[in-house]
Protein backbone atom coordinates (compact mmCIF):
# COMPACT_ATOMS: atom_id res chain seq x y z
CA MET A 1 44.11 59.44 84.71
CA ILE A 2 42.32 60.67 81.68
CA SER A 3 41.33 58.66 78.85
CA LEU A 4 39.53 59.92 75.39
CA LEU A 5 38.28 57.38 73.11
CA ASN A 6 37.18 58.25 69.54
CA VAL A 7 35.85 61.67 70.63
CA SER A 8 34.06 63.64 67.83
CA LYS A 9 32.19 66.95 68.15
CA TRP A 10 30.04 68.89 65.50
CA TYR A 11 28.92 72.66 65.75
CA GLY A 12 25.65 71.93 63.48
CA GLU A 13 27.14 70.52 60.45
CA HIS A 14 30.63 71.63 61.03
CA ARG A 15 32.89 68.78 62.46
CA VAL A 16 35.40 70.22 65.01
CA LEU A 17 36.92 66.95 66.62
CA THR A 18 37.35 63.79 64.39
CA ASP A 19 37.85 60.67 66.34
CA CYS A 20 40.53 61.85 68.97
CA SER A 21 42.08 59.29 71.26
CA ALA A 22 44.55 59.97 73.90
CA TYR A 23 45.55 58.50 77.38
CA ILE A 24 47.16 60.52 80.04
CA GLY A 25 48.85 58.73 82.75
CA ARG A 26 48.94 59.63 86.61
CA GLY A 27 51.60 62.07 87.04
CA GLU A 28 52.12 62.79 83.28
CA VAL A 29 52.38 66.29 81.60
CA VAL A 30 50.95 66.22 78.29
CA VAL A 31 51.26 69.11 75.68
CA ILE A 32 48.56 69.84 73.15
CA CYS A 33 49.87 72.04 70.27
CA GLY A 34 49.01 73.01 66.63
CA PRO A 35 47.76 75.65 64.50
CA SER A 36 44.87 77.99 65.31
CA GLY A 37 41.60 76.54 64.59
CA SER A 38 42.89 72.94 65.11
CA GLY A 39 40.52 72.06 67.84
CA LYS A 40 42.88 72.15 70.77
CA SER A 41 40.99 74.11 73.13
CA THR A 42 37.75 72.42 72.35
CA LEU A 43 39.30 69.05 73.12
CA ILE A 44 40.72 70.04 76.33
CA LYS A 45 37.27 71.51 77.49
CA THR A 46 35.74 68.14 76.68
CA VAL A 47 37.63 66.63 79.36
CA ASN A 48 35.64 68.29 82.28
CA GLY A 49 32.39 68.40 80.31
CA LEU A 50 32.56 72.36 79.39
CA GLU A 51 32.36 71.17 75.84
CA PRO A 52 29.75 68.29 75.24
CA VAL A 53 30.56 65.57 72.54
CA GLN A 54 28.34 63.90 69.98
CA GLN A 55 30.51 60.60 70.04
CA GLY A 56 33.20 58.72 71.81
CA GLU A 57 33.93 58.21 75.57
CA ILE A 58 35.97 60.32 77.98
CA VAL A 59 36.78 59.08 81.73
CA VAL A 60 38.70 60.90 84.10
CA ALA A 61 40.02 59.36 87.46
CA GLY A 62 37.49 56.26 86.76
CA THR A 63 34.31 58.59 86.50
CA PRO A 64 32.84 58.78 83.02
CA VAL A 65 32.35 62.36 81.64
CA THR A 66 30.16 61.49 78.62
CA THR A 67 26.92 59.13 78.41
CA THR A 68 27.22 56.25 76.35
CA ALA A 69 24.90 53.09 75.36
CA LEU A 70 26.34 51.39 78.22
CA ASN A 71 26.36 54.21 80.51
CA ARG A 72 23.44 56.45 80.21
CA LYS A 73 23.89 58.10 83.86
CA LYS A 74 24.30 61.77 83.44
CA PRO A 75 27.70 62.90 85.03
CA ASP A 76 27.86 64.96 88.20
CA LEU A 77 29.82 67.83 86.39
CA VAL A 78 29.97 70.21 89.63
CA LYS A 79 31.60 66.98 91.44
CA LEU A 80 33.83 66.37 88.47
CA ARG A 81 35.13 70.06 87.98
CA ALA A 82 35.83 70.21 91.72
CA ARG A 83 38.18 67.35 90.76
CA VAL A 84 39.73 68.54 87.60
CA GLY A 85 41.24 72.14 87.87
CA MET A 86 41.05 74.15 84.87
CA VAL A 87 42.91 77.55 84.02
CA PHE A 88 41.75 79.41 80.99
CA GLN A 89 43.34 82.05 78.68
CA HIS A 90 41.68 84.90 80.44
CA PHE A 91 41.71 84.57 84.30
CA GLU A 92 38.10 84.24 85.25
CA LEU A 93 38.59 85.90 88.60
CA PHE A 94 35.64 87.26 90.53
CA PRO A 95 36.33 91.19 90.01
CA HIS A 96 34.38 92.14 93.29
CA LEU A 97 36.13 89.69 95.46
CA ASN A 98 39.71 90.06 96.69
CA VAL A 99 42.62 87.35 96.12
CA CYS A 100 41.97 85.59 99.11
CA GLN A 101 38.22 85.47 98.60
CA ASN A 102 38.46 84.38 95.24
CA LEU A 103 40.29 81.26 96.60
CA MET A 104 37.71 80.81 99.36
CA LEU A 105 34.28 80.64 97.46
CA ALA A 106 34.36 77.45 95.90
CA GLN A 107 36.00 75.70 98.85
CA MET A 108 33.12 76.63 101.01
CA ARG A 109 30.38 76.31 98.49
CA VAL A 110 31.39 73.00 96.78
CA LEU A 111 33.71 71.42 99.50
CA HIS A 112 31.77 72.71 102.51
CA ARG A 113 34.98 73.82 104.31
CA SER A 114 34.71 76.29 106.92
CA ARG A 115 35.75 79.73 106.44
CA ASP A 116 38.84 79.41 108.55
CA GLU A 117 39.93 76.24 106.79
CA ALA A 118 39.25 77.97 103.26
CA ALA A 119 41.43 80.80 104.38
CA ASP A 120 44.28 78.71 105.49
CA LYS A 121 44.08 76.82 102.28
CA ALA A 122 44.03 79.82 100.32
CA ARG A 123 46.93 81.50 101.83
CA ALA A 124 49.23 78.47 101.68
CA LEU A 125 48.36 78.11 98.07
CA LEU A 126 48.84 81.88 97.47
CA GLN A 127 52.29 81.41 99.30
CA ARG A 128 53.24 78.54 96.95
CA VAL A 129 52.54 80.71 93.96
CA GLY A 130 54.30 83.74 95.09
CA MET A 131 51.27 85.80 95.82
CA ARG A 132 50.84 85.71 99.48
CA ALA A 133 51.80 89.35 99.90
CA HIS A 134 48.75 90.29 97.65
CA GLU A 135 45.97 88.40 99.24
CA ASP A 136 43.85 91.54 100.12
CA LYS A 137 43.97 93.15 96.55
CA PHE A 138 41.23 92.85 94.00
CA PRO A 139 41.92 91.57 90.63
CA SER A 140 41.93 94.98 89.05
CA GLN A 141 44.99 95.79 90.99
CA LEU A 142 47.12 92.95 89.68
CA SER A 143 48.95 92.41 86.73
CA GLY A 144 48.22 89.78 84.13
CA GLY A 145 50.95 87.39 85.25
CA GLN A 146 49.74 87.82 88.76
CA GLN A 147 46.21 87.49 88.07
CA GLN A 148 47.02 84.10 86.30
CA ARG A 149 49.00 82.88 89.21
CA VAL A 150 45.87 83.36 91.43
CA ALA A 151 43.74 81.66 88.97
CA ILE A 152 45.91 78.50 89.33
CA ALA A 153 45.96 78.94 93.04
CA ARG A 154 42.32 78.86 92.81
CA ALA A 155 42.12 75.77 90.70
CA LEU A 156 44.66 73.80 93.18
CA SER A 157 42.56 74.94 96.11
CA MET A 158 39.96 72.15 95.14
CA ASP A 159 42.65 69.71 95.72
CA PRO A 160 42.32 68.49 92.22
CA VAL A 161 43.57 64.93 90.66
CA ALA A 162 44.52 66.62 87.52
CA MET A 163 44.97 70.10 86.00
CA LEU A 164 43.73 71.33 82.39
CA PHE A 165 45.52 74.52 81.29
CA ASP A 166 43.91 76.34 78.07
CA GLU A 167 46.72 78.65 76.75
CA PRO A 168 47.34 80.29 79.91
CA THR A 169 50.10 82.54 78.75
CA SER A 170 48.58 83.66 75.36
CA ALA A 171 46.81 86.64 76.88
CA LEU A 172 50.06 87.87 78.83
CA ASP A 173 52.63 90.47 78.04
CA PRO A 174 55.86 88.36 77.15
CA GLU A 175 57.62 89.57 80.12
CA MET A 176 55.15 88.12 82.61
CA VAL A 177 54.97 84.62 80.80
CA ASN A 178 57.80 83.10 82.51
CA GLU A 179 56.30 83.60 86.13
CA VAL A 180 53.09 81.61 85.14
CA LEU A 181 55.37 78.85 83.31
CA ASP A 182 57.52 78.49 86.42
CA VAL A 183 54.48 77.92 88.67
CA MET A 184 53.24 75.15 85.99
CA THR A 185 56.72 74.04 86.04
CA GLY A 186 56.77 73.40 89.76
CA LEU A 187 53.35 71.64 89.68
CA ALA A 188 54.84 69.14 86.61
CA GLN A 189 57.88 68.57 89.24
CA GLU A 190 55.52 67.49 92.06
CA GLY A 191 53.79 64.94 90.08
CA MET A 192 50.51 66.85 89.08
CA THR A 193 48.80 65.28 86.18
CA MET A 194 48.61 68.10 83.51
CA LEU A 195 47.11 68.47 80.01
CA CYS A 196 48.24 71.87 78.60
CA VAL A 197 47.28 73.60 75.50
CA THR A 198 50.25 75.74 74.56
CA HIS A 199 52.31 77.45 72.05
CA GLU A 200 55.38 77.69 74.50
CA MET A 201 57.39 74.89 72.84
CA GLY A 202 60.37 75.90 75.36
CA PHE A 203 58.00 74.80 78.16
CA ALA A 204 57.16 71.49 76.33
CA ARG A 205 60.64 70.63 75.67
CA ARG A 206 61.53 71.32 79.45
CA VAL A 207 58.50 69.82 81.24
CA ALA A 208 56.20 67.68 78.98
CA ASN A 209 56.31 63.69 78.91
CA ARG A 210 54.56 63.78 75.44
CA VAL A 211 53.15 66.01 72.99
CA VAL A 212 49.79 65.74 70.96
CA PHE A 213 49.83 67.70 67.71
CA MET A 214 46.55 68.50 66.24
CA ASP A 215 45.48 69.63 62.78
CA GLN A 216 41.91 70.23 61.28
CA GLY A 217 39.99 68.65 64.49
CA ALA A 218 42.17 65.33 64.42
CA ILE A 219 45.23 64.12 66.26
CA VAL A 220 47.93 63.72 64.00
CA GLU A 221 50.79 62.73 66.17
CA ASP A 222 50.99 61.74 69.90
CA GLU A 223 54.67 61.26 70.64
CA ALA A 224 57.23 61.34 73.50
CA LYS A 225 58.66 65.20 73.50
CA GLU A 226 62.02 63.60 72.13
CA VAL A 227 60.62 62.19 69.22
CA PHE A 228 58.38 64.97 68.28
CA PHE A 229 60.81 67.73 68.35
CA ASP A 230 63.83 65.64 66.85
CA ARG A 231 61.93 63.49 64.51
CA PRO A 232 58.36 64.44 63.82
CA ARG A 233 56.53 61.63 61.50
CA SER A 234 54.04 64.02 59.49
CA ALA A 235 55.14 66.78 57.18
CA ARG A 236 52.37 68.86 58.80
CA ALA A 237 53.90 68.50 62.37
CA ARG A 238 57.45 69.26 60.52
CA GLU A 239 55.93 72.56 58.88
CA PHE A 240 54.63 73.61 62.20
CA LEU A 241 57.82 73.20 64.08
CA SER A 242 59.79 74.97 61.35
CA ARG A 243 57.54 78.15 61.74
CA ILE A 244 56.82 78.18 65.35
CA LEU A 245 60.62 77.50 66.35
CA HIS A 246 62.00 79.72 63.83
């Protein structure tokens, strides 16, 4: 579903990603973890073209995201982002629209659904994430956990083939984290392809198929979750786990 081959990126002379390669199969849940500043968020944003890269190839569901010597055609990023849902650390909801309208807007503008079709889809997804009773509220009237569940529903309203999560719980109060992780767990159990940047190691142990560990812009380990947690190969991963699990 998602293929990254030798992806590298620079900000000026500073190299933030170094020859990153990873493959995420259909229905797989892959967690990306690592210390702050290791390039996790930058890497996940390259998957739908939010962060352009200077080197390497990225393909999502058969569609090239990057231009190469063999493929110089610029990708249709609007079309790509409609197929790859993304949930950010901060909720990015439109403050002047109510919950239901937040889910309807892109459906009508990008997928050209009728207002009634978009509303029906929005309400079904709000029911799915436990937010149907709040459909007429505005984002400012919701808790952080509620806003993030709405953001997930909004991404799902575009019928994505894969979902990207960039530290979706890091801005939440601790008691709100589980309500968001429960929604993500449900998606994983339904077979959604998911790439998640997170420090929630309990979620990774419970849901992930694989764990990608990054440090200083490079992928240090890419292992099945059992291997990563029980017998990590690198000293850096062992150090990271000893700190975060403790």
